[in-house]
PDB file of all heavy atoms in Angstrom:
ATOM      1  N   VAL A   1     111.545  83.814 108.928  1.00  0.00           N
ATOM      2  CA  VAL A   1     110.592  83.091 108.375  1.00  0.00           C
ATOM      3  C   VAL A   1     110.296  81.869 109.273  1.00  0.00           C
ATOM      4  O   VAL A   1     109.117  81.504 109.656  1.00  0.00           O
ATOM      5  CB  VAL A   1     110.969  82.642 106.990  1.00  0.00           C
ATOM      6  CG1 VAL A   1     109.862  81.605 106.446  1.00  0.00           C
ATOM      7  CG2 VAL A   1     111.033  83.798 106.039  1.00  0.00           C
ATOM      8  N   SER A   2     111.224  81.194 109.761  1.00  0.00           N
ATOM      9  CA  SER A   2     111.071  80.054 110.690  1.00  0.00           C
ATOM     10  C   SER A   2     110.415  80.498 111.960  1.00  0.00           C
ATOM     11  O   SER A   2     109.585  79.736 112.581  1.00  0.00           O
ATOM     12  CB  SER A   2     112.482  79.524 111.048  1.00  0.00           C
ATOM     13  OG  SER A   2     112.997  78.896 109.828  1.00  0.00           O
ATOM     14  N   GLN A   3     110.689  81.670 112.477  1.00  0.00           N
ATOM     15  CA  GLN A   3     110.158  82.165 113.583  1.00  0.00           C
ATOM     16  C   GLN A   3     108.612  82.363 113.466  1.00  0.00           C
ATOM     17  O   GLN A   3     107.780  82.020 114.382  1.00  0.00           O
ATOM     18  CB  GLN A   3     110.800  83.457 114.156  1.00  0.00           C
ATOM     19  CG  GLN A   3     112.176  83.307 114.709  1.00  0.00           C
ATOM     20  CD  GLN A   3     112.767  84.531 115.240  1.00  0.00           C
ATOM     21  OE1 GLN A   3     112.113  85.238 116.066  1.00  0.00           O
ATOM     22  NE2 GLN A   3     113.986  84.784 114.928  1.00  0.00           N
ATOM     23  N   GLN A   4     108.223  82.804 112.267  1.00  0.00           N
ATOM     24  CA  GLN A   4     106.789  82.937 111.939  1.00  0.00           C
ATOM     25  C   GLN A   4     106.109  81.489 111.938  1.00  0.00           C
ATOM     26  O   GLN A   4     104.953  81.351 112.430  1.00  0.00           O
ATOM     27  CB  GLN A   4     106.564  83.589 110.647  1.00  0.00           C
ATOM     28  CG  GLN A   4     106.912  85.133 110.652  1.00  0.00           C
ATOM     29  CD  GLN A   4     106.151  85.800 111.708  1.00  0.00           C
ATOM     30  OE1 GLN A   4     105.001  85.745 111.900  1.00  0.00           O
ATOM     31  NE2 GLN A   4     106.971  86.705 112.406  1.00  0.00           N
ATOM     32  N   MET A   5     106.885  80.495 111.492  1.00  0.00           N
ATOM     33  CA  MET A   5     106.324  79.109 111.450  1.00  0.00           C
ATOM     34  C   MET A   5     106.108  78.587 112.972  1.00  0.00           C
ATOM     35  O   MET A   5     105.206  77.916 113.250  1.00  0.00           O
ATOM     36  CB  MET A   5     107.240  78.181 110.679  1.00  0.00           C
ATOM     37  CG  MET A   5     107.041  78.425 109.194  1.00  0.00           C
ATOM     38  SD  MET A   5     107.842  77.205 108.170  1.00  0.00           S
ATOM     39  CE  MET A   5     109.463  77.967 107.928  1.00  0.00           C
ATOM     40  N   TYR A   6     107.052  79.052 113.847  1.00  0.00           N
ATOM     41  CA  TYR A   6     106.923  78.745 115.258  1.00  0.00           C
ATOM     42  C   TYR A   6     105.686  79.321 115.782  1.00  0.00           C
ATOM     43  O   TYR A   6     104.911  78.613 116.552  1.00  0.00           O
ATOM     44  CB  TYR A   6     108.190  79.088 116.040  1.00  0.00           C
ATOM     45  CG  TYR A   6     109.560  78.566 115.630  1.00  0.00           C
ATOM     46  CD1 TYR A   6     110.650  79.171 116.114  1.00  0.00           C
ATOM     47  CD2 TYR A   6     109.616  77.496 114.786  1.00  0.00           C
ATOM     48  CE1 TYR A   6     111.902  78.724 115.827  1.00  0.00           C
ATOM     49  CE2 TYR A   6     110.861  76.975 114.535  1.00  0.00           C
ATOM     50  CZ  TYR A   6     111.948  77.584 114.954  1.00  0.00           C
ATOM     51  OH  TYR A   6     113.288  77.145 114.679  1.00  0.00           O
ATOM     52  N   PHE A   7     105.367  80.511 115.438  1.00  0.00           N
ATOM     53  CA  PHE A   7     104.074  81.148 115.961  1.00  0.00           C
ATOM     54  C   PHE A   7     102.857  80.465 115.358  1.00  0.00           C
ATOM     55  O   PHE A   7     101.951  80.256 116.099  1.00  0.00           O
ATOM     56  CB  PHE A   7     104.043  82.619 115.531  1.00  0.00           C
ATOM     57  CG  PHE A   7     104.913  83.479 116.340  1.00  0.00           C
ATOM     58  CD1 PHE A   7     105.818  84.327 115.670  1.00  0.00           C
ATOM     59  CD2 PHE A   7     104.948  83.482 117.715  1.00  0.00           C
ATOM     60  CE1 PHE A   7     106.687  85.259 116.409  1.00  0.00           C
ATOM     61  CE2 PHE A   7     105.838  84.339 118.452  1.00  0.00           C
ATOM     62  CZ  PHE A   7     106.613  85.240 117.838  1.00  0.00           C
ATOM     63  N   ASP A   8     102.990  79.989 114.159  1.00  0.00           N
ATOM     64  CA  ASP A   8     101.881  79.164 113.488  1.00  0.00           C
ATOM     65  C   ASP A   8     101.672  77.921 114.266  1.00  0.00           C
ATOM     66  O   ASP A   8     100.496  77.460 114.481  1.00  0.00           O
ATOM     67  CB  ASP A   8     102.120  78.867 112.065  1.00  0.00           C
ATOM     68  CG  ASP A   8     101.966  80.162 111.193  1.00  0.00           C
ATOM     69  OD1 ASP A   8     101.398  81.067 111.702  1.00  0.00           O
ATOM     70  OD2 ASP A   8     102.351  80.048 110.007  1.00  0.00           O
ATOM     71  N   LEU A   9     102.772  77.234 114.732  1.00  0.00           N
ATOM     72  CA  LEU A   9     102.615  75.964 115.501  1.00  0.00           C
ATOM     73  C   LEU A   9     101.857  76.247 116.796  1.00  0.00           C
ATOM     74  O   LEU A   9     101.006  75.593 117.359  1.00  0.00           O
ATOM     75  CB  LEU A   9     103.966  75.399 115.927  1.00  0.00           C
ATOM     76  CG  LEU A   9     104.747  74.739 114.725  1.00  0.00           C
ATOM     77  CD1 LEU A   9     106.149  74.389 115.045  1.00  0.00           C
ATOM     78  CD2 LEU A   9     104.024  73.509 114.261  1.00  0.00           C
ATOM     79  N   GLY A  10     102.211  77.498 117.464  1.00  0.00           N
ATOM     80  CA  GLY A  10     101.577  77.851 118.702  1.00  0.00           C
ATOM     81  C   GLY A  10     100.068  78.108 118.451  1.00  0.00           C
ATOM     82  O   GLY A  10      99.251  77.668 119.170  1.00  0.00           O
ATOM     83  N   LYS A  11      99.756  78.745 117.434  1.00  0.00           N
ATOM     84  CA  LYS A  11      98.428  79.082 117.023  1.00  0.00           C
ATOM     85  C   LYS A  11      97.604  77.793 116.827  1.00  0.00           C
ATOM     86  O   LYS A  11      96.449  77.582 117.304  1.00  0.00           O
ATOM     87  CB  LYS A  11      98.292  79.883 115.665  1.00  0.00           C
ATOM     88  CG  LYS A  11      98.607  81.332 115.803  1.00  0.00           C
ATOM     89  CD  LYS A  11      98.398  82.024 114.575  1.00  0.00           C
ATOM     90  CE  LYS A  11      98.896  83.466 114.563  1.00  0.00           C
ATOM     91  NZ  LYS A  11     100.140  83.640 113.767  1.00  0.00           N
ATOM     92  N   GLN A  12      98.174  76.833 116.077  1.00  0.00           N
ATOM     93  CA  GLN A  12      97.584  75.620 115.687  1.00  0.00           C
ATOM     94  C   GLN A  12      97.122  74.901 117.063  1.00  0.00           C
ATOM     95  O   GLN A  12      96.031  74.240 117.234  1.00  0.00           O
ATOM     96  CB  GLN A  12      98.385  74.736 114.855  1.00  0.00           C
ATOM     97  CG  GLN A  12      97.739  73.394 114.547  1.00  0.00           C
ATOM     98  CD  GLN A  12      98.666  72.506 113.711  1.00  0.00           C
ATOM     99  OE1 GLN A  12      99.822  72.852 113.329  1.00  0.00           O
ATOM    100  NE2 GLN A  12      98.176  71.358 113.394  1.00  0.00           N
ATOM    101  N   GLU A  13      98.143  74.700 117.955  1.00  0.00           N
ATOM    102  CA  GLU A  13      97.793  73.962 119.172  1.00  0.00           C
ATOM    103  C   GLU A  13      96.904  74.756 120.109  1.00  0.00           C
ATOM    104  O   GLU A  13      96.010  74.128 120.629  1.00  0.00           O
ATOM    105  CB  GLU A  13      99.238  73.819 119.941  1.00  0.00           C
ATOM    106  CG  GLU A  13      98.895  72.975 121.198  1.00  0.00           C
ATOM    107  CD  GLU A  13     100.206  72.689 122.041  1.00  0.00           C
ATOM    108  OE1 GLU A  13     101.255  73.242 121.763  1.00  0.00           O
ATOM    109  OE2 GLU A  13     100.078  71.854 123.031  1.00  0.00           O
ATOM    110  N   PHE A  14      96.939  76.022 120.012  1.00  0.00           N
ATOM    111  CA  PHE A  14      96.030  76.809 120.811  1.00  0.00           C
ATOM    112  C   PHE A  14      94.521  76.629 120.270  1.00  0.00           C
ATOM    113  O   PHE A  14      93.606  76.457 121.041  1.00  0.00           O
ATOM    114  CB  PHE A  14      96.363  78.364 120.629  1.00  0.00           C
ATOM    115  CG  PHE A  14      95.521  79.294 121.537  1.00  0.00           C
ATOM    116  CD1 PHE A  14      95.874  79.462 122.818  1.00  0.00           C
ATOM    117  CD2 PHE A  14      94.485  79.945 120.995  1.00  0.00           C
ATOM    118  CE1 PHE A  14      95.091  80.328 123.702  1.00  0.00           C
ATOM    119  CE2 PHE A  14      93.749  80.825 121.797  1.00  0.00           C
ATOM    120  CZ  PHE A  14      94.080  81.024 123.103  1.00  0.00           C
ATOM    121  N   TYR A  15      94.383  76.656 119.052  1.00  0.00           N
ATOM    122  CA  TYR A  15      93.047  76.384 118.443  1.00  0.00           C
ATOM    123  C   TYR A  15      92.553  75.002 118.754  1.00  0.00           C
ATOM    124  O   TYR A  15      91.345  74.849 119.146  1.00  0.00           O
ATOM    125  CB  TYR A  15      93.070  76.696 116.911  1.00  0.00           C
ATOM    126  CG  TYR A  15      93.363  77.951 116.417  1.00  0.00           C
ATOM    127  CD1 TYR A  15      94.002  78.077 115.242  1.00  0.00           C
ATOM    128  CD2 TYR A  15      93.065  79.062 117.055  1.00  0.00           C
ATOM    129  CE1 TYR A  15      94.365  79.374 114.810  1.00  0.00           C
ATOM    130  CE2 TYR A  15      93.330  80.394 116.694  1.00  0.00           C
ATOM    131  CZ  TYR A  15      93.978  80.498 115.479  1.00  0.00           C
ATOM    132  OH  TYR A  15      94.253  81.748 115.030  1.00  0.00           O
ATOM    133  N   GLN A  16      93.363  74.074 118.636  1.00  0.00           N
ATOM    134  CA  GLN A  16      92.994  72.638 118.936  1.00  0.00           C
ATOM    135  C   GLN A  16      92.593  72.523 120.423  1.00  0.00           C
ATOM    136  O   GLN A  16      91.600  71.685 120.757  1.00  0.00           O
ATOM    137  CB  GLN A  16      94.172  71.829 118.592  1.00  0.00           C
ATOM    138  CG  GLN A  16      94.352  71.580 117.140  1.00  0.00           C
ATOM    139  CD  GLN A  16      95.588  70.772 116.871  1.00  0.00           C
ATOM    140  OE1 GLN A  16      96.486  70.643 117.558  1.00  0.00           O
ATOM    141  NE2 GLN A  16      95.566  70.134 115.587  1.00  0.00           N
ATOM    142  N   LYS A  17      93.130  73.247 121.231  1.00  0.00           N
ATOM    143  CA  LYS A  17      92.858  73.157 122.695  1.00  0.00           C
ATOM    144  C   LYS A  17      91.723  73.931 123.140  1.00  0.00           C
ATOM    145  O   LYS A  17      90.971  73.651 124.109  1.00  0.00           O
ATOM    146  CB  LYS A  17      94.078  73.497 123.591  1.00  0.00           C
ATOM    147  CG  LYS A  17      95.110  72.369 123.524  1.00  0.00           C
ATOM    148  CD  LYS A  17      96.173  72.715 124.587  1.00  0.00           C
ATOM    149  CE  LYS A  17      97.425  71.703 124.482  1.00  0.00           C
ATOM    150  NZ  LYS A  17      97.093  70.354 124.654  1.00  0.00           N
ATOM    151  N   MET A  18      91.526  75.081 122.447  1.00  0.00           N
ATOM    152  CA  MET A  18      90.563  76.147 122.880  1.00  0.00           C
ATOM    153  C   MET A  18      89.276  76.265 122.131  1.00  0.00           C
ATOM    154  O   MET A  18      88.274  76.752 122.635  1.00  0.00           O
ATOM    155  CB  MET A  18      91.310  77.550 122.887  1.00  0.00           C
ATOM    156  CG  MET A  18      92.434  77.635 123.782  1.00  0.00           C
ATOM    157  SD  MET A  18      92.000  77.325 125.508  1.00  0.00           S
ATOM    158  CE  MET A  18      91.176  78.812 125.926  1.00  0.00           C
ATOM    159  N   LEU A  19      89.216  75.686 120.867  1.00  0.00           N
ATOM    160  CA  LEU A  19      88.129  75.948 120.059  1.00  0.00           C
ATOM    161  C   LEU A  19      87.492  74.492 119.616  1.00  0.00           C
ATOM    162  O   LEU A  19      88.152  73.562 119.437  1.00  0.00           O
ATOM    163  CB  LEU A  19      88.367  76.689 118.872  1.00  0.00           C
ATOM    164  CG  LEU A  19      88.718  78.121 119.178  1.00  0.00           C
ATOM    165  CD1 LEU A  19      89.175  78.939 117.972  1.00  0.00           C
ATOM    166  CD2 LEU A  19      87.437  78.954 119.713  1.00  0.00           C
ATOM    167  N   PRO A  20      86.173  74.453 119.363  1.00  0.00           N
ATOM    168  CA  PRO A  20      85.624  73.171 118.713  1.00  0.00           C
ATOM    169  C   PRO A  20      86.265  72.868 117.456  1.00  0.00           C
ATOM    170  O   PRO A  20      86.706  73.790 116.671  1.00  0.00           O
ATOM    171  CB  PRO A  20      84.139  73.622 118.536  1.00  0.00           C
ATOM    172  CG  PRO A  20      83.887  74.807 119.320  1.00  0.00           C
ATOM    173  CD  PRO A  20      85.194  75.515 119.514  1.00  0.00           C
ATOM    174  N   GLU A  21      86.356  71.623 117.112  1.00  0.00           N
ATOM    175  CA  GLU A  21      87.107  71.164 115.904  1.00  0.00           C
ATOM    176  C   GLU A  21      86.602  71.723 114.671  1.00  0.00           C
ATOM    177  O   GLU A  21      87.261  72.065 113.754  1.00  0.00           O
ATOM    178  CB  GLU A  21      87.078  69.590 115.888  1.00  0.00           C
ATOM    179  CG  GLU A  21      87.959  69.174 114.620  1.00  0.00           C
ATOM    180  CD  GLU A  21      87.910  67.664 114.474  1.00  0.00           C
ATOM    181  OE1 GLU A  21      87.663  66.932 115.507  1.00  0.00           O
ATOM    182  OE2 GLU A  21      88.344  67.128 113.438  1.00  0.00           O
ATOM    183  N   ARG A  22      85.206  71.960 114.574  1.00  0.00           N
ATOM    184  CA  ARG A  22      84.704  72.506 113.381  1.00  0.00           C
ATOM    185  C   ARG A  22      85.184  73.891 112.982  1.00  0.00           C
ATOM    186  O   ARG A  22      85.091  74.283 111.817  1.00  0.00           O
ATOM    187  CB  ARG A  22      83.179  72.360 113.360  1.00  0.00           C
ATOM    188  CG  ARG A  22      82.537  73.380 114.434  1.00  0.00           C
ATOM    189  CD  ARG A  22      81.026  73.234 114.435  1.00  0.00           C
ATOM    190  NE  ARG A  22      80.419  74.009 115.475  1.00  0.00           N
ATOM    191  CZ  ARG A  22      80.428  73.772 116.731  1.00  0.00           C
ATOM    192  NH1 ARG A  22      80.886  72.562 117.145  1.00  0.00           N
ATOM    193  NH2 ARG A  22      79.858  74.559 117.681  1.00  0.00           N
ATOM    194  N   VAL A  23      85.697  74.557 113.977  1.00  0.00           N
ATOM    195  CA  VAL A  23      86.332  75.984 113.721  1.00  0.00           C
ATOM    196  C   VAL A  23      87.496  75.794 112.913  1.00  0.00           C
ATOM    197  O   VAL A  23      87.889  76.737 112.132  1.00  0.00           O
ATOM    198  CB  VAL A  23      86.558  76.686 115.102  1.00  0.00           C
ATOM    199  CG1 VAL A  23      87.214  77.942 114.836  1.00  0.00           C
ATOM    200  CG2 VAL A  23      85.197  76.890 115.860  1.00  0.00           C
ATOM    201  N   LEU A  24      88.180  74.618 112.950  1.00  0.00           N
ATOM    202  CA  LEU A  24      89.407  74.452 112.160  1.00  0.00           C
ATOM    203  C   LEU A  24      89.117  73.774 110.909  1.00  0.00           C
ATOM    204  O   LEU A  24      89.936  73.710 109.985  1.00  0.00           O
ATOM    205  CB  LEU A  24      90.397  73.609 113.031  1.00  0.00           C
ATOM    206  CG  LEU A  24      90.838  74.328 114.270  1.00  0.00           C
ATOM    207  CD1 LEU A  24      91.789  73.335 115.094  1.00  0.00           C
ATOM    208  CD2 LEU A  24      91.554  75.544 114.020  1.00  0.00           C
ATOM    209  N   THR A  25      87.987  73.040 110.786  1.00  0.00           N
ATOM    210  CA  THR A  25      87.719  72.153 109.525  1.00  0.00           C
ATOM    211  C   THR A  25      86.515  72.505 108.836  1.00  0.00           C
ATOM    212  O   THR A  25      86.268  72.077 107.659  1.00  0.00           O
ATOM    213  CB  THR A  25      87.787  70.735 109.984  1.00  0.00           C
ATOM    214  OG1 THR A  25      86.706  70.524 110.910  1.00  0.00           O
ATOM    215  CG2 THR A  25      89.121  70.274 110.530  1.00  0.00           C
ATOM    216  N   GLY A  26      85.547  73.277 109.455  1.00  0.00           N
ATOM    217  CA  GLY A  26      84.341  73.582 108.806  1.00  0.00           C
ATOM    218  C   GLY A  26      84.373  74.730 107.827  1.00  0.00           C
ATOM    219  O   GLY A  26      85.377  75.209 107.563  1.00  0.00           O
ATOM    220  N   LYS A  27      83.162  75.104 107.333  1.00  0.00           N
ATOM    221  CA  LYS A  27      83.147  76.251 106.365  1.00  0.00           C
ATOM    222  C   LYS A  27      83.213  77.553 107.004  1.00  0.00           C
ATOM    223  O   LYS A  27      83.550  78.500 106.441  1.00  0.00           O
ATOM    224  CB  LYS A  27      81.853  76.149 105.579  1.00  0.00           C
ATOM    225  CG  LYS A  27      80.583  76.257 106.360  1.00  0.00           C
ATOM    226  CD  LYS A  27      79.357  76.244 105.493  1.00  0.00           C
ATOM    227  CE  LYS A  27      78.131  76.430 106.250  1.00  0.00           C
ATOM    228  NZ  LYS A  27      76.975  76.370 105.476  1.00  0.00           N
ATOM    229  N   ARG A  28      83.086  77.635 108.316  1.00  0.00           N
ATOM    230  CA  ARG A  28      83.220  78.947 109.148  1.00  0.00           C
ATOM    231  C   ARG A  28      84.392  78.684 110.044  1.00  0.00           C
ATOM    232  O   ARG A  28      84.389  77.935 110.970  1.00  0.00           O
ATOM    233  CB  ARG A  28      81.919  79.136 109.964  1.00  0.00           C
ATOM    234  CG  ARG A  28      80.723  79.355 109.064  1.00  0.00           C
ATOM    235  CD  ARG A  28      79.553  79.657 109.860  1.00  0.00           C
ATOM    236  NE  ARG A  28      79.309  81.038 109.743  1.00  0.00           N
ATOM    237  CZ  ARG A  28      78.505  81.729 110.675  1.00  0.00           C
ATOM    238  NH1 ARG A  28      77.959  81.165 111.582  1.00  0.00           N
ATOM    239  NH2 ARG A  28      78.339  83.030 110.539  1.00  0.00           N
ATOM    240  N   ARG A  29      85.511  79.426 109.669  1.00  0.00           N
ATOM    241  CA  ARG A  29      86.799  79.218 110.311  1.00  0.00           C
ATOM    242  C   ARG A  29      87.409  80.658 110.778  1.00  0.00           C
ATOM    243  O   ARG A  29      86.770  81.592 110.478  1.00  0.00           O
ATOM    244  CB  ARG A  29      87.768  78.486 109.478  1.00  0.00           C
ATOM    245  CG  ARG A  29      87.256  77.073 109.118  1.00  0.00           C
ATOM    246  CD  ARG A  29      88.299  76.217 108.439  1.00  0.00           C
ATOM    247  NE  ARG A  29      88.427  76.826 106.966  1.00  0.00           N
ATOM    248  CZ  ARG A  29      88.570  76.089 105.930  1.00  0.00           C
ATOM    249  NH1 ARG A  29      88.821  74.856 105.965  1.00  0.00           N
ATOM    250  NH2 ARG A  29      88.696  76.688 104.755  1.00  0.00           N
ATOM    251  N   ILE A  30      88.642  80.489 111.206  1.00  0.00           N
ATOM    252  CA  ILE A  30      89.480  81.686 111.465  1.00  0.00           C
ATOM    253  C   ILE A  30      90.555  81.795 110.454  1.00  0.00           C
ATOM    254  O   ILE A  30      91.217  80.815 110.160  1.00  0.00           O
ATOM    255  CB  ILE A  30      90.115  81.548 112.942  1.00  0.00           C
ATOM    256  CG1 ILE A  30      88.974  81.479 113.897  1.00  0.00           C
ATOM    257  CG2 ILE A  30      91.021  82.629 113.159  1.00  0.00           C
ATOM    258  CD1 ILE A  30      89.464  81.118 115.295  1.00  0.00           C
ATOM    259  N   ILE A  31      90.747  82.993 109.905  1.00  0.00           N
ATOM    260  CA  ILE A  31      91.849  83.280 109.067  1.00  0.00           C
ATOM    261  C   ILE A  31      92.667  84.438 109.618  1.00  0.00           C
ATOM    262  O   ILE A  31      92.252  85.277 110.295  1.00  0.00           O
ATOM    263  CB  ILE A  31      91.385  83.579 107.682  1.00  0.00           C
ATOM    264  CG1 ILE A  31      90.469  84.792 107.555  1.00  0.00           C
ATOM    265  CG2 ILE A  31      90.680  82.417 107.088  1.00  0.00           C
ATOM    266  CD1 ILE A  31      90.161  85.271 106.181  1.00  0.00           C
ATOM    267  N   THR A  32      93.896  84.476 109.185  1.00  0.00           N
ATOM    268  CA  THR A  32      94.819  85.608 109.643  1.00  0.00           C
ATOM    269  C   THR A  32      94.612  86.777 108.686  1.00  0.00           C
ATOM    270  O   THR A  32      94.618  86.730 107.412  1.00  0.00           O
ATOM    271  CB  THR A  32      96.306  85.143 109.435  1.00  0.00           C
ATOM    272  OG1 THR A  32      96.467  83.968 110.295  1.00  0.00           O
ATOM    273  CG2 THR A  32      97.255  86.313 109.914  1.00  0.00           C
ATOM    274  N   ALA A  33      94.365  87.999 109.276  1.00  0.00           N
ATOM    275  CA  ALA A  33      94.180  89.226 108.561  1.00  0.00           C
ATOM    276  C   ALA A  33      95.309  90.139 108.650  1.00  0.00           C
ATOM    277  O   ALA A  33      95.583  90.843 107.635  1.00  0.00           O
ATOM    278  CB  ALA A  33      92.825  89.913 109.097  1.00  0.00           C
ATOM    279  N   ALA A  34      96.080  90.108 109.773  1.00  0.00           N
ATOM    280  CA  ALA A  34      97.225  90.914 109.923  1.00  0.00           C
ATOM    281  C   ALA A  34      98.181  90.334 110.998  1.00  0.00           C
ATOM    282  O   ALA A  34      97.699  89.694 111.918  1.00  0.00           O
ATOM    283  CB  ALA A  34      96.817  92.301 110.264  1.00  0.00           C
ATOM    284  N   THR A  35      99.452  90.574 110.786  1.00  0.00           N
ATOM    285  CA  THR A  35     100.439  90.155 111.867  1.00  0.00           C
ATOM    286  C   THR A  35     101.476  91.351 111.997  1.00  0.00           C
ATOM    287  O   THR A  35     101.753  92.013 111.015  1.00  0.00           O
ATOM    288  CB  THR A  35     101.215  88.966 111.431  1.00  0.00           C
ATOM    289  OG1 THR A  35     101.888  89.135 110.251  1.00  0.00           O
ATOM    290  CG2 THR A  35     100.306  87.688 111.423  1.00  0.00           C
ATOM    291  N   SER A  36     101.942  91.456 113.180  1.00  0.00           N
ATOM    292  CA  SER A  36     103.008  92.413 113.510  1.00  0.00           C
ATOM    293  C   SER A  36     104.082  91.807 114.399  1.00  0.00           C
ATOM    294  O   SER A  36     103.625  91.051 115.472  1.00  0.00           O
ATOM    295  CB  SER A  36     102.392  93.579 114.180  1.00  0.00           C
ATOM    296  OG  SER A  36     103.427  94.426 114.593  1.00  0.00           O
ATOM    297  N   THR A  37     105.274  91.760 114.068  1.00  0.00           N
ATOM    298  CA  THR A  37     106.331  91.002 114.824  1.00  0.00           C
ATOM    299  C   THR A  37     107.510  91.979 115.198  1.00  0.00           C
ATOM    300  O   THR A  37     107.901  92.691 114.372  1.00  0.00           O
ATOM    301  CB  THR A  37     106.872  89.876 114.039  1.00  0.00           C
ATOM    302  OG1 THR A  37     105.775  89.018 113.658  1.00  0.00           O
ATOM    303  CG2 THR A  37     107.917  89.096 114.797  1.00  0.00           C
ATOM    304  N   SER A  38     107.963  91.824 116.448  1.00  0.00           N
ATOM    305  CA  SER A  38     109.051  92.582 116.938  1.00  0.00           C
ATOM    306  C   SER A  38     110.136  91.606 117.222  1.00  0.00           C
ATOM    307  O   SER A  38     109.859  90.649 118.161  1.00  0.00           O
ATOM    308  CB  SER A  38     108.720  93.363 118.178  1.00  0.00           C
ATOM    309  OG  SER A  38     107.691  94.225 117.897  1.00  0.00           O
ATOM    310  N   TYR A  39     111.307  91.712 116.762  1.00  0.00           N
ATOM    311  CA  TYR A  39     112.464  90.840 117.040  1.00  0.00           C
ATOM    312  C   TYR A  39     113.359  91.526 118.113  1.00  0.00           C
ATOM    313  O   TYR A  39     113.936  92.543 117.878  1.00  0.00           O
ATOM    314  CB  TYR A  39     113.274  90.575 115.751  1.00  0.00           C
ATOM    315  CG  TYR A  39     112.325  89.937 114.691  1.00  0.00           C
ATOM    316  CD1 TYR A  39     111.748  90.674 113.669  1.00  0.00           C
ATOM    317  CD2 TYR A  39     112.153  88.522 114.723  1.00  0.00           C
ATOM    318  CE1 TYR A  39     110.919  90.026 112.770  1.00  0.00           C
ATOM    319  CE2 TYR A  39     111.330  87.902 113.804  1.00  0.00           C
ATOM    320  CZ  TYR A  39     110.705  88.669 112.832  1.00  0.00           C
ATOM    321  OH  TYR A  39     109.880  88.128 111.863  1.00  0.00           O
ATOM    322  N   LEU A  40     113.273  90.920 119.301  1.00  0.00           N
ATOM    323  CA  LEU A  40     113.980  91.534 120.424  1.00  0.00           C
ATOM    324  C   LEU A  40     115.378  90.991 120.678  1.00  0.00           C
ATOM    325  O   LEU A  40     116.120  91.673 121.513  1.00  0.00           O
ATOM    326  CB  LEU A  40     113.090  91.333 121.716  1.00  0.00           C
ATOM    327  CG  LEU A  40     111.643  91.810 121.482  1.00  0.00           C
ATOM    328  CD1 LEU A  40     110.779  91.429 122.638  1.00  0.00           C
ATOM    329  CD2 LEU A  40     111.595  93.252 121.215  1.00  0.00           C
ATOM    330  N   GLY A  41     115.626  89.778 120.117  1.00  0.00           N
ATOM    331  CA  GLY A  41     116.932  89.238 120.434  1.00  0.00           C
ATOM    332  C   GLY A  41     117.096  88.051 119.488  1.00  0.00           C
ATOM    333  O   GLY A  41     116.099  87.502 119.032  1.00  0.00           O
ATOM    334  N   GLN A  42     118.293  87.563 119.270  1.00  0.00           N
ATOM    335  CA  GLN A  42     118.553  86.445 118.416  1.00  0.00           C
ATOM    336  C   GLN A  42     118.283  85.075 119.022  1.00  0.00           C
ATOM    337  O   GLN A  42     118.356  84.913 120.250  1.00  0.00           O
ATOM    338  CB  GLN A  42     120.069  86.383 118.042  1.00  0.00           C
ATOM    339  CG  GLN A  42     120.549  87.549 117.250  1.00  0.00           C
ATOM    340  CD  GLN A  42     122.077  87.522 116.842  1.00  0.00           C
ATOM    341  OE1 GLN A  42     122.368  86.437 116.535  1.00  0.00           O
ATOM    342  NE2 GLN A  42     122.674  88.605 116.998  1.00  0.00           N
ATOM    343  N   ILE A  43     117.770  84.195 118.240  1.00  0.00           N
ATOM    344  CA  ILE A  43     117.553  82.778 118.610  1.00  0.00           C
ATOM    345  C   ILE A  43     118.625  82.013 117.950  1.00  0.00           C
ATOM    346  O   ILE A  43     118.627  82.043 116.659  1.00  0.00           O
ATOM    347  CB  ILE A  43     116.096  82.303 118.370  1.00  0.00           C
ATOM    348  CG1 ILE A  43     115.164  83.128 119.092  1.00  0.00           C
ATOM    349  CG2 ILE A  43     115.985  80.834 118.716  1.00  0.00           C
ATOM    350  CD1 ILE A  43     113.696  82.876 118.673  1.00  0.00           C
ATOM    351  N   ARG A  44     119.300  81.241 118.678  1.00  0.00           N
ATOM    352  CA  ARG A  44     120.415  80.311 118.084  1.00  0.00           C
ATOM    353  C   ARG A  44     119.956  78.912 118.145  1.00  0.00           C
ATOM    354  O   ARG A  44     119.120  78.542 118.919  1.00  0.00           O
ATOM    355  CB  ARG A  44     121.742  80.664 118.707  1.00  0.00           C
ATOM    356  CG  ARG A  44     122.240  81.999 118.577  1.00  0.00           C
ATOM    357  CD  ARG A  44     123.672  82.228 118.917  1.00  0.00           C
ATOM    358  NE  ARG A  44     124.012  83.581 118.607  1.00  0.00           N
ATOM    359  CZ  ARG A  44     124.414  84.145 117.429  1.00  0.00           C
ATOM    360  NH1 ARG A  44     124.411  83.313 116.389  1.00  0.00           N
ATOM    361  NH2 ARG A  44     124.821  85.348 117.351  1.00  0.00           N
TER     362      ARG A  44
END
C-alpha cells in the first residue's frame, strides 16, 4: 500500500511539472482508470 502511495507522489510531481495547473484543479482533469503493479524485490 505504501509503495502505491510512492507511485502517487511520482504522478503528482509529474503532473505539476508537465501539465497546466487547470488539469489538476479544473473541471476537466485526469483520473486513474486502471493500475497494474509487479513487485520485483523487497524495499527495506
